[in-house]
């Protein structure tokens, strides 16, 4: 009989423990699924944000690159003339030449950058004890810089290809793959990473300040207005401010990067960052050289960044609502 009691106790104990283990496993599985869905949502939202923003400003971006890599003096009038001449000579869609290469780069770049930013925010929030809340200023800046660096490191050769296609005639490179093949064959594989150092040095302040400014303005808005989510036009304004500050801070390195990327087709030999800067300054001056095209960037940049941040946020909100509707339906 004692044996029967022991067996009953054993079975009761098992009956009590097994559901707890099952419940624990279900929670872990649910959290894992939730995290995976969050990552996929961020990747999709970021890819869409980058594609929409860059396509909207592609003609201005192409014009800016052409001026950046040449010694021609920049002005709004000259920029307009270049756009108009390109339209007359090659047609309307030639203003988007190189945009296919831009999309090949921007879609993975933006997807990785926005997704990485969300993950770095989560990790830093957990480390500093602000999980699910707005980060303090320094971690907020750090999350943006790390996200930009991660994306730039993984997609840099595509940026190189895009710059080459933007400044060369159609006859030189027929498509993206052709650019890779010719550069590898004629200039060597390491050319695909020419200008990488100034890119990273520029991305750190650019991405850091852009994300920092946007997140800070949203936080201040929520505190002042009492509304947790800003309206769409407010998001655009916050993103425009973020783009203006971020791009102005890193612009000289952007010029250096473009010069180094396109050296093989412009007849220059730029070896180092400082050497490139010295040559630009000696030939064109500080303002007209290192800040060439900045005024156009003040038009293009805020528009692009504003569209990008707004598209990302609204897509995230839409995906969450769609999930909730699906979950409720079940």
Protein backbone atom coordinates (compact mmCIF):
# COMPACT_ATOMS: atom_id res chain seq x y z
CA UNK A 1 0.00 0.00 0.00
CA UNK A 2 2.90 2.32 0.87
CA UNK A 3 4.20 1.60 -2.59
CA UNK A 4 0.84 2.65 -4.09
CA UNK A 5 0.88 5.97 -2.14
CA UNK A 6 4.42 6.70 -3.35
CA UNK A 7 3.40 6.03 -6.96
CA UNK A 8 0.38 8.34 -6.54
CA UNK A 9 2.59 11.09 -5.07
CA UNK A 10 5.04 10.63 -7.90
CA UNK A 11 2.24 10.90 -10.44
CA UNK A 12 0.83 14.00 -8.68
CA UNK A 13 4.25 15.59 -8.67
CA UNK A 14 4.66 14.85 -12.34
CA UNK A 15 1.18 16.21 -12.97
CA UNK A 16 2.12 19.45 -11.27
CA UNK A 17 5.53 19.87 -12.90
CA UNK A 18 4.78 18.93 -16.50
CA UNK A 19 2.28 21.76 -17.21
CA UNK A 20 4.76 24.30 -15.75
CA UNK A 21 7.52 23.06 -18.03
CA UNK A 22 5.14 23.16 -20.99
CA UNK A 23 4.04 26.68 -20.08
CA UNK A 24 7.65 27.83 -19.77
CA UNK A 25 8.51 26.37 -23.16
CA UNK A 26 5.48 28.07 -24.70
CA UNK A 27 6.56 31.45 -23.29
CA UNK A 28 10.10 31.03 -24.64
CA UNK A 29 8.72 29.96 -28.02
CA UNK A 30 6.31 32.92 -28.10
CA UNK A 31 9.06 35.40 -27.18
CA UNK A 32 11.29 33.95 -29.88
CA UNK A 33 8.51 34.20 -32.46
CA UNK A 34 7.74 37.76 -31.35
CA UNK A 35 11.40 38.79 -31.69
CA UNK A 36 11.70 37.16 -35.13
CA UNK A 37 8.57 38.95 -36.31
CA UNK A 38 9.94 42.23 -34.97
CA UNK A 39 13.22 41.77 -36.89
CA UNK A 40 11.41 40.88 -40.13
CA UNK A 41 9.06 43.87 -39.74
CA UNK A 42 12.05 46.18 -39.22
CA UNK A 43 13.86 44.77 -42.26
CA UNK A 44 10.81 45.19 -44.51
CA UNK A 45 9.94 48.66 -43.18
CA UNK A 46 13.54 49.82 -43.53
CA UNK A 47 13.85 48.49 -47.10
CA UNK A 48 10.64 50.25 -48.14
CA UNK A 49 11.67 53.49 -46.40
CA UNK A 50 15.02 53.57 -48.17
CA UNK A 51 13.56 52.78 -51.60
CA UNK A 52 10.82 55.43 -51.41
CA UNK A 53 13.13 58.15 -50.05
CA UNK A 54 15.98 57.62 -52.51
CA UNK A 55 13.74 57.34 -55.56
CA UNK A 56 12.06 60.63 -54.63
CA UNK A 57 15.35 62.56 -54.67
CA UNK A 58 17.34 60.52 -57.23
CA UNK A 59 17.72 63.33 -59.85
CA UNK A 60 19.06 65.74 -57.21
CA UNK A 61 21.34 63.07 -55.79
CA UNK A 62 22.82 62.26 -59.19
CA UNK A 63 23.41 65.96 -59.89
CA UNK A 64 25.12 66.40 -56.53
CA UNK A 65 27.49 63.48 -57.17
CA UNK A 66 28.46 64.84 -60.60
CA UNK A 67 29.46 68.17 -59.03
CA UNK A 68 31.21 66.48 -56.09
CA UNK A 69 33.56 64.50 -58.32
CA UNK A 70 34.40 67.36 -60.71
CA UNK A 71 36.26 70.65 -60.27
CA UNK A 72 33.37 72.62 -61.81
CA UNK A 73 32.01 75.38 -59.60
CA UNK A 74 28.65 74.59 -58.01
CA UNK A 75 25.64 76.88 -57.93
CA UNK A 76 21.89 76.37 -57.98
CA UNK A 77 21.81 77.82 -61.50
CA UNK A 78 24.50 75.42 -62.75
CA UNK A 79 22.74 72.48 -61.10
CA UNK A 80 19.50 73.40 -62.85
CA UNK A 81 21.34 73.71 -66.19
CA UNK A 82 22.91 70.27 -65.73
CA UNK A 83 19.55 68.67 -64.98
CA UNK A 84 17.96 70.42 -67.96
CA UNK A 85 20.79 69.48 -70.37
CA UNK A 86 20.62 65.87 -69.21
CA UNK A 87 16.86 65.86 -69.80
CA UNK A 88 17.22 67.30 -73.33
CA UNK A 89 20.10 65.01 -74.31
CA UNK A 90 19.10 61.66 -72.79
CA UNK A 91 15.43 62.01 -71.88
CA UNK A 92 13.43 62.31 -68.66
CA UNK A 93 14.29 58.90 -67.21
CA UNK A 94 18.03 59.53 -67.63
CA UNK A 95 17.71 61.73 -64.53
CA UNK A 96 17.30 58.45 -62.65
CA UNK A 97 20.40 56.87 -64.24
CA UNK A 98 22.17 54.80 -61.61
CA UNK A 99 18.98 54.53 -59.55
CA UNK A 100 18.82 50.78 -60.15
CA UNK A 101 22.28 50.52 -58.59
CA UNK A 102 21.08 52.86 -55.85
CA UNK A 103 18.12 50.56 -55.12
CA UNK A 104 20.39 47.50 -55.05
CA UNK A 105 22.46 49.30 -52.40
CA UNK A 106 19.80 51.32 -50.56
CA UNK A 107 17.29 48.53 -50.01
CA UNK A 108 19.70 46.25 -48.09
CA UNK A 109 21.45 49.26 -46.52
CA UNK A 110 18.26 50.84 -45.17
CA UNK A 111 16.84 47.46 -44.14
CA UNK A 112 20.00 46.61 -42.18
CA UNK A 113 20.37 50.12 -40.72
CA UNK A 114 16.80 50.43 -39.40
CA UNK A 115 16.71 46.83 -38.18
CA UNK A 116 20.13 47.19 -36.51
CA UNK A 117 18.98 50.42 -34.87
CA UNK A 118 15.96 48.70 -33.36
CA UNK A 119 18.15 45.84 -32.07
CA UNK A 120 20.83 48.16 -30.68
CA UNK A 121 18.11 50.19 -28.93
CA UNK A 122 16.77 47.00 -27.36
CA UNK A 123 20.23 45.82 -26.27
CA UNK A 124 21.32 49.21 -24.91
CA UNK A 125 17.92 49.68 -23.26
CA UNK A 126 18.39 46.37 -21.44
CA UNK A 127 21.97 47.27 -20.47
CA UNK A 128 21.11 50.74 -19.14
CA UNK A 129 17.79 49.68 -17.58
CA UNK A 130 15.55 51.51 -20.06
CA UNK A 131 13.94 48.50 -21.75
CA UNK A 132 10.87 49.61 -23.71
CA UNK A 133 11.50 53.29 -22.91
CA UNK A 134 13.29 56.15 -24.65
CA UNK A 135 17.06 55.81 -24.23
CA UNK A 136 19.19 58.47 -22.50
CA UNK A 137 21.09 60.82 -24.87
CA UNK A 138 24.45 58.99 -25.08
CA UNK A 139 23.04 55.48 -25.76
CA UNK A 140 20.59 57.09 -28.21
CA UNK A 141 23.52 58.57 -30.16
CA UNK A 142 25.50 55.33 -29.89
CA UNK A 143 22.62 53.20 -31.25
CA UNK A 144 22.38 55.35 -34.39
CA UNK A 145 26.13 55.37 -35.02
CA UNK A 146 26.41 51.60 -34.58
CA UNK A 147 23.44 50.99 -36.89
CA UNK A 148 24.92 53.17 -39.65
CA UNK A 149 28.35 51.55 -39.30
CA UNK A 150 26.87 48.04 -39.47
CA UNK A 151 24.92 48.83 -42.65
CA UNK A 152 27.84 50.61 -44.35
CA UNK A 153 30.27 47.77 -43.68
CA UNK A 154 27.93 45.18 -45.21
CA UNK A 155 26.89 47.11 -48.33
CA UNK A 156 29.86 49.32 -49.28
CA UNK A 157 30.76 47.78 -52.69
CA UNK A 158 27.23 48.53 -53.89
CA UNK A 159 27.73 52.21 -52.97
CA UNK A 160 30.94 52.24 -55.01
CA UNK A 161 29.12 50.80 -58.04
CA UNK A 162 26.30 53.31 -57.69
CA UNK A 163 28.75 56.26 -57.65
CA UNK A 164 30.50 54.97 -60.80
CA UNK A 165 27.22 54.59 -62.68
CA UNK A 166 26.10 58.09 -61.68
CA UNK A 167 29.15 59.87 -63.17
CA UNK A 168 29.80 57.83 -66.32
CA UNK A 169 28.02 57.72 -69.72
CA UNK A 170 25.72 54.82 -70.52
CA UNK A 171 28.25 53.41 -73.00
CA UNK A 172 30.88 52.80 -70.32
CA UNK A 173 28.86 50.57 -67.99
CA UNK A 174 25.78 48.78 -69.31
CA UNK A 175 24.52 47.44 -65.97
CA UNK A 176 25.45 46.81 -62.35
CA UNK A 177 27.16 43.48 -63.00
CA UNK A 178 29.21 45.07 -65.80
CA UNK A 179 30.55 47.66 -63.31
CA UNK A 180 31.68 44.92 -60.92
CA UNK A 181 33.34 42.95 -63.72
CA UNK A 182 35.20 45.91 -65.24
CA UNK A 183 36.39 47.30 -61.92
CA UNK A 184 37.61 43.87 -60.78
CA UNK A 185 39.37 43.19 -64.09
CA UNK A 186 40.88 46.63 -64.78
CA UNK A 187 41.48 48.09 -61.30
CA UNK A 188 41.49 45.12 -58.92
CA UNK A 189 39.02 43.87 -56.32
CA UNK A 190 40.36 46.19 -53.60
CA UNK A 191 39.08 49.13 -55.67
CA UNK A 192 35.55 48.11 -54.62
CA UNK A 193 36.49 49.30 -51.11
CA UNK A 194 38.26 52.50 -52.15
CA UNK A 195 36.89 55.33 -50.01
CA UNK A 196 35.71 52.92 -47.31
CA UNK A 197 37.52 54.69 -44.44
CA UNK A 198 36.03 58.17 -45.07
CA UNK A 199 32.66 56.47 -45.50
CA UNK A 200 32.81 54.92 -42.02
CA UNK A 201 34.19 58.15 -40.51
CA UNK A 202 31.29 60.03 -42.12
CA UNK A 203 28.62 57.47 -41.24
CA UNK A 204 29.35 57.58 -37.51
CA UNK A 205 28.34 61.26 -37.04
CA UNK A 206 25.74 61.18 -39.83
CA UNK A 207 23.76 58.14 -38.68
CA UNK A 208 24.36 58.91 -35.01
CA UNK A 209 23.11 62.49 -35.22
CA UNK A 210 20.24 61.63 -37.60
CA UNK A 211 18.75 58.93 -35.39
CA UNK A 212 19.57 60.89 -32.23
CA UNK A 213 17.83 64.06 -33.49
CA UNK A 214 14.75 62.20 -34.75
CA UNK A 215 14.32 60.13 -31.58
CA UNK A 216 14.93 63.18 -29.37
CA UNK A 217 12.36 65.32 -31.22
CA UNK A 218 9.78 62.51 -30.95
CA UNK A 219 10.48 62.19 -27.21
CA UNK A 220 10.16 65.96 -26.62
CA UNK A 221 6.99 66.06 -28.72
CA UNK A 222 5.38 63.28 -26.65
CA UNK A 223 6.29 65.08 -23.41
CA UNK A 224 4.99 68.47 -24.58
CA UNK A 225 1.86 67.40 -26.49
CA UNK A 226 0.78 64.39 -24.43
CA UNK A 227 0.33 62.41 -27.65
CA UNK A 228 2.43 59.21 -27.83
CA UNK A 229 2.58 59.31 -31.65
CA UNK A 230 3.18 62.45 -33.76
CA UNK A 231 1.19 63.16 -36.92
CA UNK A 232 2.72 62.28 -40.29
CA UNK A 233 3.64 65.88 -41.16
CA UNK A 234 5.34 66.20 -37.76
CA UNK A 235 7.37 63.06 -38.46
CA UNK A 236 8.43 64.55 -41.80
CA UNK A 237 9.53 67.75 -40.05
CA UNK A 238 11.48 65.82 -37.38
CA UNK A 239 13.14 63.71 -40.08
CA UNK A 240 14.01 66.82 -42.10
CA UNK A 241 15.73 68.37 -39.07
CA UNK A 242 17.58 65.11 -38.46
CA UNK A 243 18.79 64.96 -42.07
CA UNK A 244 19.89 68.60 -42.07
CA UNK A 245 22.00 68.21 -38.93
CA UNK A 246 23.42 64.78 -39.79
CA UNK A 247 24.43 65.59 -43.37
CA UNK A 248 25.91 68.99 -42.56
CA UNK A 249 28.17 67.43 -39.91
CA UNK A 250 29.56 64.73 -42.21
CA UNK A 251 29.49 66.43 -45.63
CA UNK A 252 33.25 67.01 -46.24
CA UNK A 253 33.89 63.29 -45.74
CA UNK A 254 31.09 62.56 -48.22
CA UNK A 255 32.91 64.65 -50.85
CA UNK A 256 36.21 62.85 -50.11
CA UNK A 257 34.46 59.48 -50.35
CA UNK A 258 32.98 60.31 -53.78
CA UNK A 259 36.33 61.56 -55.12
CA UNK A 260 38.08 58.37 -54.01
CA UNK A 261 35.31 56.14 -55.37
CA UNK A 262 35.36 57.71 -58.85
CA UNK A 263 39.12 58.30 -59.15
CA UNK A 264 39.42 55.50 -61.72
CA UNK A 265 37.14 57.26 -64.22
CA UNK A 266 37.93 60.94 -63.53
CA UNK A 267 41.68 60.79 -64.15
CA UNK A 268 42.71 61.58 -60.56
CA UNK A 269 44.74 59.44 -58.18
CA UNK A 270 43.41 59.89 -54.67
CA UNK A 271 45.25 57.67 -52.19
CA UNK A 272 44.47 58.81 -48.65
CA UNK A 273 41.79 60.85 -46.89
CA UNK A 274 44.16 63.67 -45.91
CA UNK A 275 45.82 63.65 -49.33
CA UNK A 276 42.45 63.91 -51.05
CA UNK A 277 41.38 66.74 -48.74
CA UNK A 278 44.62 68.66 -49.36
CA UNK A 279 44.29 68.33 -53.13
CA UNK A 280 40.66 69.45 -53.09
CA UNK A 281 41.43 72.44 -50.86
CA UNK A 282 44.51 73.48 -52.89
CA UNK A 283 42.63 73.32 -56.22
CA UNK A 284 39.15 74.49 -55.22
CA UNK A 285 39.29 75.95 -51.70
CA UNK A 286 37.64 74.80 -48.46
CA UNK A 287 34.07 75.99 -49.01
CA UNK A 288 33.89 75.50 -52.79
CA UNK A 289 35.69 72.17 -52.56
CA UNK A 290 34.84 70.28 -49.38
CA UNK A 291 31.35 71.76 -49.16
CA UNK A 292 30.53 71.69 -52.87
CA UNK A 293 26.87 70.83 -53.38
CA UNK A 294 25.98 71.26 -49.70
CA UNK A 295 23.21 73.73 -50.52
CA UNK A 296 21.63 71.09 -52.77
CA UNK A 297 22.03 68.61 -49.95
CA UNK A 298 20.10 70.99 -47.69
CA UNK A 299 17.20 70.59 -50.13
CA UNK A 300 17.64 66.90 -50.97
CA UNK A 301 18.82 65.58 -47.59
CA UNK A 302 15.98 66.74 -45.33
CA UNK A 303 13.40 65.57 -47.88
CA UNK A 304 15.00 62.13 -48.19
CA UNK A 305 15.56 61.61 -44.46
CA UNK A 306 12.11 62.95 -43.58
CA UNK A 307 10.46 60.56 -46.06
CA UNK A 308 12.66 57.70 -44.87
CA UNK A 309 11.92 58.03 -41.13
CA UNK A 310 8.21 58.69 -41.74
CA UNK A 311 7.83 55.71 -44.10
CA UNK A 312 9.62 53.43 -41.62
CA UNK A 313 7.47 54.49 -38.65
CA UNK A 314 4.16 54.34 -40.53
CA UNK A 315 4.99 50.95 -42.06
CA UNK A 316 5.87 49.61 -38.60
CA UNK A 317 2.57 50.89 -37.20
CA UNK A 318 0.64 49.39 -40.14
CA UNK A 319 2.32 45.98 -39.76
CA UNK A 320 1.55 45.93 -36.02
CA UNK A 321 -2.10 46.78 -36.69
CA UNK A 322 -2.36 44.08 -39.36
CA UNK A 323 -0.90 41.54 -36.93
CA UNK A 324 -3.32 42.57 -34.18
CA UNK A 325 -6.26 42.26 -36.57
CA UNK A 326 -5.10 38.80 -37.61
CA UNK A 327 -4.55 37.79 -34.00
CA UNK A 328 -8.00 39.05 -32.99
CA UNK A 329 -9.61 37.21 -35.90
CA UNK A 330 -8.11 33.94 -34.71
